[in-house]
Amino acid sequence: MVGLTHATKLLPYQLSGGMQQRAAIARTLAADPKLVLMDEPFGALDAMTRESMQTHLKGIWKRTRKTIYFITHDIEEALLLASRILIMHARPGRIVQDIPNPFANRALDEPVANLRSSKEFVEMREQLVASIGDVKSQ
């Protein structure tokens, strides 16, 4: 499911960062949880590996339909992966906005490059940047 069949003979230290993240996802899914919590799972990956992992995660979600709470500070990542986007205020920690993601269904099937370059995506990204800026200034 995570695309590591070719790496079954490798030792952990021989895995790339992306392969290690996929192994971690596989370990989590092996327990068949109802809920998966992912806190900045792709934060330490390079841009190409991160995009590949986002694609893998979307495929896994399409197959399993698990509830996944995905914490990220990357607005584009949220738009590409989320069905809902929750914006939080830091002090005290609380949800200040709950926004349905208008790209949730499109992001499952449309190529990432097409989606990112669409006028609607750019506008929504800017709207979220402004919302986060408003929250920070409160």
N, C-alpha and C. Protein backbone atom coordinates (compact mmCIF):
# COMPACT_ATOMS: atom_id res chain seq x y z
N MET A 1 0.81 -1.20 0.00
CA MET A 1 0.00 0.00 0.00
C MET A 1 0.86 1.27 0.00
N VAL A 2 2.03 1.23 0.60
CA VAL A 2 2.88 2.42 0.69
C VAL A 2 4.01 2.42 -0.34
N GLY A 3 4.04 1.45 -1.20
CA GLY A 3 5.01 1.42 -2.29
C GLY A 3 6.43 1.08 -1.87
N LEU A 4 6.58 0.16 -0.93
CA LEU A 4 7.92 -0.23 -0.48
C LEU A 4 8.24 -1.69 -0.77
N THR A 5 7.49 -2.33 -1.62
CA THR A 5 7.73 -3.73 -1.93
C THR A 5 9.16 -3.97 -2.40
N HIS A 6 9.70 -3.06 -3.17
CA HIS A 6 11.06 -3.19 -3.70
C HIS A 6 12.13 -3.08 -2.61
N ALA A 7 11.76 -2.61 -1.41
CA ALA A 7 12.75 -2.35 -0.37
C ALA A 7 12.68 -3.35 0.78
N THR A 8 12.05 -4.49 0.57
CA THR A 8 11.86 -5.45 1.67
C THR A 8 13.17 -6.00 2.23
N LYS A 9 14.21 -6.01 1.46
CA LYS A 9 15.50 -6.56 1.92
C LYS A 9 16.42 -5.49 2.54
N LEU A 10 16.00 -4.22 2.48
CA LEU A 10 16.85 -3.14 3.00
C LEU A 10 16.72 -3.04 4.52
N LEU A 11 17.80 -2.63 5.14
CA LEU A 11 17.80 -2.36 6.58
C LEU A 11 17.32 -0.93 6.81
N PRO A 12 16.81 -0.62 8.01
CA PRO A 12 16.27 0.73 8.25
C PRO A 12 17.21 1.86 7.88
N TYR A 13 18.50 1.74 8.18
CA TYR A 13 19.43 2.83 7.87
C TYR A 13 19.65 3.00 6.37
N GLN A 14 19.23 2.04 5.57
CA GLN A 14 19.39 2.11 4.12
C GLN A 14 18.20 2.79 3.44
N LEU A 15 17.18 3.11 4.19
CA LEU A 15 15.99 3.74 3.62
C LEU A 15 16.17 5.25 3.54
N SER A 16 15.67 5.85 2.47
CA SER A 16 15.69 7.30 2.33
C SER A 16 14.66 7.90 3.30
N GLY A 17 14.67 9.22 3.43
CA GLY A 17 13.71 9.89 4.30
C GLY A 17 12.28 9.60 3.92
N GLY A 18 11.99 9.64 2.62
CA GLY A 18 10.63 9.35 2.15
C GLY A 18 10.23 7.90 2.41
N MET A 19 11.18 6.99 2.23
CA MET A 19 10.91 5.57 2.49
C MET A 19 10.66 5.35 3.99
N GLN A 20 11.40 6.05 4.83
CA GLN A 20 11.20 5.94 6.28
C GLN A 20 9.81 6.45 6.66
N GLN A 21 9.38 7.54 6.03
CA GLN A 21 8.03 8.06 6.32
C GLN A 21 6.96 7.07 5.86
N ARG A 22 7.16 6.46 4.70
CA ARG A 22 6.19 5.46 4.23
C ARG A 22 6.16 4.25 5.14
N ALA A 23 7.34 3.84 5.67
CA ALA A 23 7.39 2.72 6.62
C ALA A 23 6.63 3.08 7.90
N ALA A 24 6.76 4.33 8.35
CA ALA A 24 6.04 4.77 9.54
C ALA A 24 4.54 4.74 9.30
N ILE A 25 4.11 5.17 8.12
CA ILE A 25 2.69 5.12 7.78
C ILE A 25 2.22 3.67 7.74
N ALA A 26 3.02 2.78 7.15
CA ALA A 26 2.67 1.36 7.09
C ALA A 26 2.52 0.77 8.50
N ARG A 27 3.44 1.10 9.41
CA ARG A 27 3.34 0.61 10.79
C ARG A 27 2.04 1.08 11.45
N THR A 28 1.70 2.33 11.19
CA THR A 28 0.46 2.88 11.75
C THR A 28 -0.76 2.16 11.19
N LEU A 29 -0.79 1.98 9.88
CA LEU A 29 -1.96 1.36 9.24
C LEU A 29 -2.07 -0.13 9.57
N ALA A 30 -0.95 -0.78 9.89
CA ALA A 30 -0.97 -2.21 10.21
C ALA A 30 -1.83 -2.50 11.43
N ALA A 31 -1.94 -1.53 12.34
CA ALA A 31 -2.77 -1.69 13.53
C ALA A 31 -4.25 -1.46 13.23
N ASP A 32 -4.59 -1.08 12.02
CA ASP A 32 -5.95 -0.81 11.57
C ASP A 32 -6.69 0.16 12.50
N PRO A 33 -6.10 1.33 12.74
CA PRO A 33 -6.76 2.30 13.62
C PRO A 33 -7.96 2.95 12.93
N LYS A 34 -8.90 3.43 13.71
CA LYS A 34 -10.03 4.18 13.15
C LYS A 34 -9.59 5.61 12.81
N LEU A 35 -8.61 6.09 13.55
CA LEU A 35 -8.15 7.46 13.44
C LEU A 35 -6.63 7.48 13.35
N VAL A 36 -6.10 8.31 12.44
CA VAL A 36 -4.65 8.45 12.30
C VAL A 36 -4.31 9.93 12.54
N LEU A 37 -3.36 10.17 13.42
CA LEU A 37 -2.89 11.53 13.70
C LEU A 37 -1.50 11.68 13.10
N MET A 38 -1.35 12.66 12.22
CA MET A 38 -0.06 12.92 11.57
C MET A 38 0.33 14.36 11.86
N ASP A 39 1.38 14.54 12.64
CA ASP A 39 1.83 15.86 13.03
C ASP A 39 3.08 16.23 12.24
N GLU A 40 2.90 17.09 11.23
CA GLU A 40 4.00 17.54 10.35
C GLU A 40 4.83 16.36 9.83
N PRO A 41 4.18 15.32 9.27
CA PRO A 41 4.94 14.13 8.89
C PRO A 41 5.91 14.34 7.73
N PHE A 42 5.68 15.35 6.91
CA PHE A 42 6.54 15.55 5.75
C PHE A 42 7.44 16.77 5.89
N GLY A 43 7.47 17.36 7.06
CA GLY A 43 8.19 18.60 7.29
C GLY A 43 9.69 18.52 7.01
N ALA A 44 10.31 17.39 7.24
CA ALA A 44 11.77 17.27 7.07
C ALA A 44 12.17 16.76 5.69
N LEU A 45 11.20 16.59 4.81
CA LEU A 45 11.49 16.02 3.48
C LEU A 45 11.76 17.13 2.46
N ASP A 46 12.55 16.79 1.45
CA ASP A 46 12.77 17.74 0.36
C ASP A 46 11.49 17.88 -0.45
N ALA A 47 11.41 18.91 -1.27
CA ALA A 47 10.18 19.25 -1.99
C ALA A 47 9.66 18.11 -2.87
N MET A 48 10.54 17.45 -3.59
CA MET A 48 10.11 16.36 -4.48
C MET A 48 9.59 15.16 -3.69
N THR A 49 10.30 14.80 -2.63
CA THR A 49 9.87 13.67 -1.81
C THR A 49 8.56 14.02 -1.10
N ARG A 50 8.45 15.25 -0.65
CA ARG A 50 7.22 15.70 0.02
C ARG A 50 6.02 15.56 -0.91
N GLU A 51 6.17 16.01 -2.16
CA GLU A 51 5.08 15.90 -3.12
C GLU A 51 4.74 14.44 -3.40
N SER A 52 5.75 13.60 -3.50
CA SER A 52 5.52 12.17 -3.70
C SER A 52 4.76 11.57 -2.52
N MET A 53 5.14 11.97 -1.31
CA MET A 53 4.47 11.46 -0.11
C MET A 53 3.02 11.95 -0.03
N GLN A 54 2.77 13.17 -0.46
CA GLN A 54 1.40 13.69 -0.49
C GLN A 54 0.55 12.84 -1.44
N THR A 55 1.12 12.49 -2.58
CA THR A 55 0.41 11.65 -3.54
C THR A 55 0.15 10.26 -2.95
N HIS A 56 1.16 9.68 -2.28
CA HIS A 56 0.98 8.38 -1.63
C HIS A 56 -0.13 8.45 -0.58
N LEU A 57 -0.11 9.50 0.22
CA LEU A 57 -1.10 9.63 1.29
C LEU A 57 -2.51 9.76 0.72
N LYS A 58 -2.66 10.52 -0.36
CA LYS A 58 -3.98 10.63 -1.00
C LYS A 58 -4.46 9.26 -1.48
N GLY A 59 -3.55 8.49 -2.08
CA GLY A 59 -3.90 7.15 -2.54
C GLY A 59 -4.29 6.23 -1.40
N ILE A 60 -3.56 6.31 -0.31
CA ILE A 60 -3.88 5.49 0.87
C ILE A 60 -5.25 5.88 1.41
N TRP A 61 -5.51 7.18 1.48
CA TRP A 61 -6.81 7.62 1.98
C TRP A 61 -7.95 7.15 1.07
N LYS A 62 -7.74 7.22 -0.25
CA LYS A 62 -8.78 6.77 -1.18
C LYS A 62 -9.10 5.29 -0.97
N ARG A 63 -8.07 4.48 -0.65
CA ARG A 63 -8.28 3.05 -0.45
C ARG A 63 -8.87 2.72 0.91
N THR A 64 -8.43 3.42 1.96
CA THR A 64 -8.82 3.05 3.32
C THR A 64 -9.96 3.87 3.89
N ARG A 65 -10.10 5.10 3.44
CA ARG A 65 -11.09 6.05 3.97
C ARG A 65 -10.97 6.25 5.48
N LYS A 66 -9.75 6.12 5.99
CA LYS A 66 -9.48 6.36 7.41
C LYS A 66 -9.64 7.85 7.70
N THR A 67 -10.04 8.16 8.93
CA THR A 67 -10.04 9.55 9.37
C THR A 67 -8.60 9.92 9.70
N ILE A 68 -8.11 10.96 9.06
CA ILE A 68 -6.72 11.38 9.27
C ILE A 68 -6.73 12.84 9.69
N TYR A 69 -6.15 13.10 10.85
CA TYR A 69 -5.90 14.48 11.28
C TYR A 69 -4.47 14.77 10.86
N PHE A 70 -4.32 15.71 9.96
CA PHE A 70 -3.01 16.03 9.39
C PHE A 70 -2.64 17.44 9.80
N ILE A 71 -1.69 17.57 10.68
CA ILE A 71 -1.25 18.89 11.14
C ILE A 71 -0.12 19.36 10.23
N THR A 72 -0.27 20.57 9.71
CA THR A 72 0.76 21.15 8.85
C THR A 72 0.72 22.67 8.97
N HIS A 73 1.87 23.28 8.75
CA HIS A 73 1.95 24.73 8.66
C HIS A 73 2.02 25.17 7.20
N ASP A 74 2.00 24.21 6.30
CA ASP A 74 2.11 24.46 4.87
C ASP A 74 0.72 24.60 4.27
N ILE A 75 0.36 25.81 3.86
CA ILE A 75 -0.99 26.09 3.37
C ILE A 75 -1.31 25.29 2.12
N GLU A 76 -0.36 25.20 1.19
CA GLU A 76 -0.61 24.43 -0.03
C GLU A 76 -0.84 22.96 0.30
N GLU A 77 -0.07 22.44 1.24
CA GLU A 77 -0.23 21.04 1.64
C GLU A 77 -1.64 20.82 2.20
N ALA A 78 -2.11 21.76 3.00
CA ALA A 78 -3.46 21.66 3.55
C ALA A 78 -4.49 21.66 2.42
N LEU A 79 -4.32 22.53 1.45
CA LEU A 79 -5.26 22.59 0.33
C LEU A 79 -5.23 21.33 -0.52
N LEU A 80 -4.07 20.70 -0.61
CA LEU A 80 -3.94 19.49 -1.43
C LEU A 80 -4.45 18.23 -0.72
N LEU A 81 -4.41 18.21 0.61
CA LEU A 81 -4.71 16.98 1.34
C LEU A 81 -6.01 16.99 2.15
N ALA A 82 -6.48 18.15 2.52
CA ALA A 82 -7.57 18.22 3.50
C ALA A 82 -8.96 18.26 2.88
N SER A 83 -9.92 17.75 3.64
CA SER A 83 -11.31 17.98 3.29
C SER A 83 -11.83 19.21 4.05
N ARG A 84 -11.24 19.45 5.22
CA ARG A 84 -11.53 20.65 6.02
C ARG A 84 -10.21 21.23 6.51
N ILE A 85 -10.17 22.54 6.62
CA ILE A 85 -8.97 23.22 7.10
C ILE A 85 -9.35 23.96 8.38
N LEU A 86 -8.66 23.61 9.46
CA LEU A 86 -8.90 24.25 10.74
C LEU A 86 -7.75 25.20 11.03
N ILE A 87 -8.07 26.44 11.30
CA ILE A 87 -7.05 27.43 11.65
C ILE A 87 -7.12 27.63 13.15
N MET A 88 -5.94 27.55 13.77
CA MET A 88 -5.88 27.64 15.22
C MET A 88 -5.19 28.93 15.67
N HIS A 89 -5.57 29.37 16.84
CA HIS A 89 -4.90 30.49 17.51
C HIS A 89 -4.02 29.87 18.58
N ALA A 90 -2.83 30.41 18.75
CA ALA A 90 -1.85 29.78 19.63
C ALA A 90 -2.14 29.97 21.12
N ARG A 91 -2.53 31.15 21.55
CA ARG A 91 -2.64 31.40 22.98
C ARG A 91 -3.95 32.03 23.33
N PRO A 92 -4.84 31.36 23.95
CA PRO A 92 -4.78 29.92 24.25
C PRO A 92 -5.10 29.12 23.00
N GLY A 93 -4.61 27.90 22.95
CA GLY A 93 -4.82 27.04 21.79
C GLY A 93 -6.31 26.79 21.57
N ARG A 94 -6.81 27.21 20.40
CA ARG A 94 -8.22 27.00 20.09
C ARG A 94 -8.43 27.11 18.57
N ILE A 95 -9.46 26.47 18.10
CA ILE A 95 -9.82 26.56 16.68
C ILE A 95 -10.60 27.86 16.48
N VAL A 96 -10.13 28.68 15.54
CA VAL A 96 -10.80 29.95 15.28
C VAL A 96 -11.54 29.95 13.94
N GLN A 97 -11.18 29.04 13.05
CA GLN A 97 -11.90 28.92 11.78
C GLN A 97 -11.93 27.46 11.35
N ASP A 98 -13.06 27.06 10.80
CA ASP A 98 -13.25 25.72 10.24
C ASP A 98 -13.75 25.94 8.82
N ILE A 99 -12.89 25.68 7.85
CA ILE A 99 -13.17 26.02 6.46
C ILE A 99 -13.27 24.74 5.62
N PRO A 100 -14.41 24.49 4.98
CA PRO A 100 -14.47 23.35 4.05
C PRO A 100 -13.51 23.63 2.89
N ASN A 101 -12.75 22.61 2.51
CA ASN A 101 -11.78 22.78 1.43
C ASN A 101 -12.49 22.57 0.09
N PRO A 102 -12.57 23.63 -0.73
CA PRO A 102 -13.25 23.48 -2.02
C PRO A 102 -12.50 22.59 -3.01
N PHE A 103 -11.25 22.23 -2.68
CA PHE A 103 -10.44 21.41 -3.58
C PHE A 103 -10.36 19.96 -3.13
N ALA A 104 -11.09 19.59 -2.10
CA ALA A 104 -10.97 18.25 -1.52
C ALA A 104 -11.15 17.15 -2.57
N ASN A 105 -12.18 17.23 -3.36
CA ASN A 105 -12.43 16.19 -4.37
C ASN A 105 -11.52 16.33 -5.57
N ARG A 106 -11.27 17.56 -6.00
CA ARG A 106 -10.39 17.78 -7.15
C ARG A 106 -8.97 17.30 -6.85
N ALA A 107 -8.52 17.50 -5.61
CA ALA A 107 -7.14 17.14 -5.25
C ALA A 107 -6.91 15.64 -5.29
N LEU A 108 -7.97 14.85 -5.21
CA LEU A 108 -7.81 13.39 -5.26
C LEU A 108 -7.47 12.89 -6.66
N ASP A 109 -7.93 13.60 -7.67
CA ASP A 109 -7.76 13.10 -9.03
C ASP A 109 -6.96 14.00 -9.96
N GLU A 110 -6.98 15.28 -9.71
CA GLU A 110 -6.32 16.23 -10.60
C GLU A 110 -4.82 16.28 -10.33
N PRO A 111 -3.99 16.36 -11.36
CA PRO A 111 -2.54 16.49 -11.14
C PRO A 111 -2.24 17.72 -10.28
N VAL A 112 -1.30 17.56 -9.36
CA VAL A 112 -0.94 18.61 -8.41
C VAL A 112 -0.55 19.90 -9.14
N ALA A 113 0.24 19.78 -10.20
CA ALA A 113 0.70 20.97 -10.93
C ALA A 113 -0.47 21.76 -11.50
N ASN A 114 -1.48 21.07 -12.05
CA ASN A 114 -2.66 21.75 -12.60
C ASN A 114 -3.43 22.47 -11.50
N LEU A 115 -3.60 21.78 -10.39
CA LEU A 115 -4.36 22.36 -9.28
C LEU A 115 -3.65 23.58 -8.71
N ARG A 116 -2.35 23.45 -8.45
CA ARG A 116 -1.59 24.57 -7.87
C ARG A 116 -1.59 25.81 -8.75
N SER A 117 -1.64 25.63 -10.05
CA SER A 117 -1.57 26.77 -10.95
C SER A 117 -2.95 27.35 -11.29
N SER A 118 -4.01 26.74 -10.79
CA SER A 118 -5.34 27.25 -11.09
C SER A 118 -5.61 28.55 -10.34
N LYS A 119 -6.37 29.42 -10.96
CA LYS A 119 -6.70 30.72 -10.37
C LYS A 119 -7.41 30.53 -9.02
N GLU A 120 -8.32 29.57 -8.95
CA GLU A 120 -9.08 29.34 -7.71
C GLU A 120 -8.17 28.90 -6.56
N PHE A 121 -7.19 28.06 -6.87
CA PHE A 121 -6.26 27.58 -5.85
C PHE A 121 -5.42 28.74 -5.31
N VAL A 122 -4.90 29.56 -6.20
CA VAL A 122 -4.08 30.70 -5.80
C VAL A 122 -4.90 31.66 -4.94
N GLU A 123 -6.15 31.91 -5.35
CA GLU A 123 -7.01 32.82 -4.58
C GLU A 123 -7.31 32.26 -3.20
N MET A 124 -7.59 30.96 -3.11
CA MET A 124 -7.88 30.34 -1.82
C MET A 124 -6.64 30.35 -0.93
N ARG A 125 -5.49 30.11 -1.51
CA ARG A 125 -4.24 30.16 -0.74
C ARG A 125 -4.06 31.56 -0.14
N GLU A 126 -4.27 32.59 -0.95
CA GLU A 126 -4.12 33.96 -0.47
C GLU A 126 -5.16 34.29 0.61
N GLN A 127 -6.36 33.77 0.46
CA GLN A 127 -7.40 33.97 1.47
C GLN A 127 -6.98 33.34 2.80
N LEU A 128 -6.41 32.15 2.75
CA LEU A 128 -5.95 31.48 3.97
C LEU A 128 -4.78 32.22 4.60
N VAL A 129 -3.85 32.71 3.78
CA VAL A 129 -2.72 33.50 4.29
C VAL A 129 -3.26 34.72 5.05
N ALA A 130 -4.24 35.40 4.46
CA ALA A 130 -4.84 36.58 5.11
C ALA A 130 -5.54 36.20 6.40
N SER A 131 -6.27 35.07 6.38
CA SER A 131 -6.95 34.61 7.60
C SER A 131 -5.98 34.32 8.72
N ILE A 132 -4.88 33.65 8.38
CA ILE A 132 -3.87 33.31 9.39
C ILE A 132 -3.22 34.60 9.92
N GLY A 133 -2.98 35.56 9.03
CA GLY A 133 -2.42 36.84 9.44
C GLY A 133 -3.35 37.56 10.40
N ASP A 134 -4.66 37.50 10.12
CA ASP A 134 -5.64 38.12 11.00
C ASP A 134 -5.63 37.46 12.38
N VAL A 135 -5.52 36.13 12.41
CA VAL A 135 -5.50 35.40 13.68
C VAL A 135 -4.28 35.77 14.48
N LYS A 136 -3.12 35.85 13.82
CA LYS A 136 -1.87 36.17 14.52
C LYS A 136 -1.88 37.57 15.11
N SER A 137 -2.60 38.48 14.47
CA SER A 137 -2.61 39.87 14.94
C SER A 137 -3.59 40.07 16.10
N GLN A 138 -4.39 39.07 16.43
CA GLN A 138 -5.36 39.20 17.52
C GLN A 138 -4.71 39.08 18.87
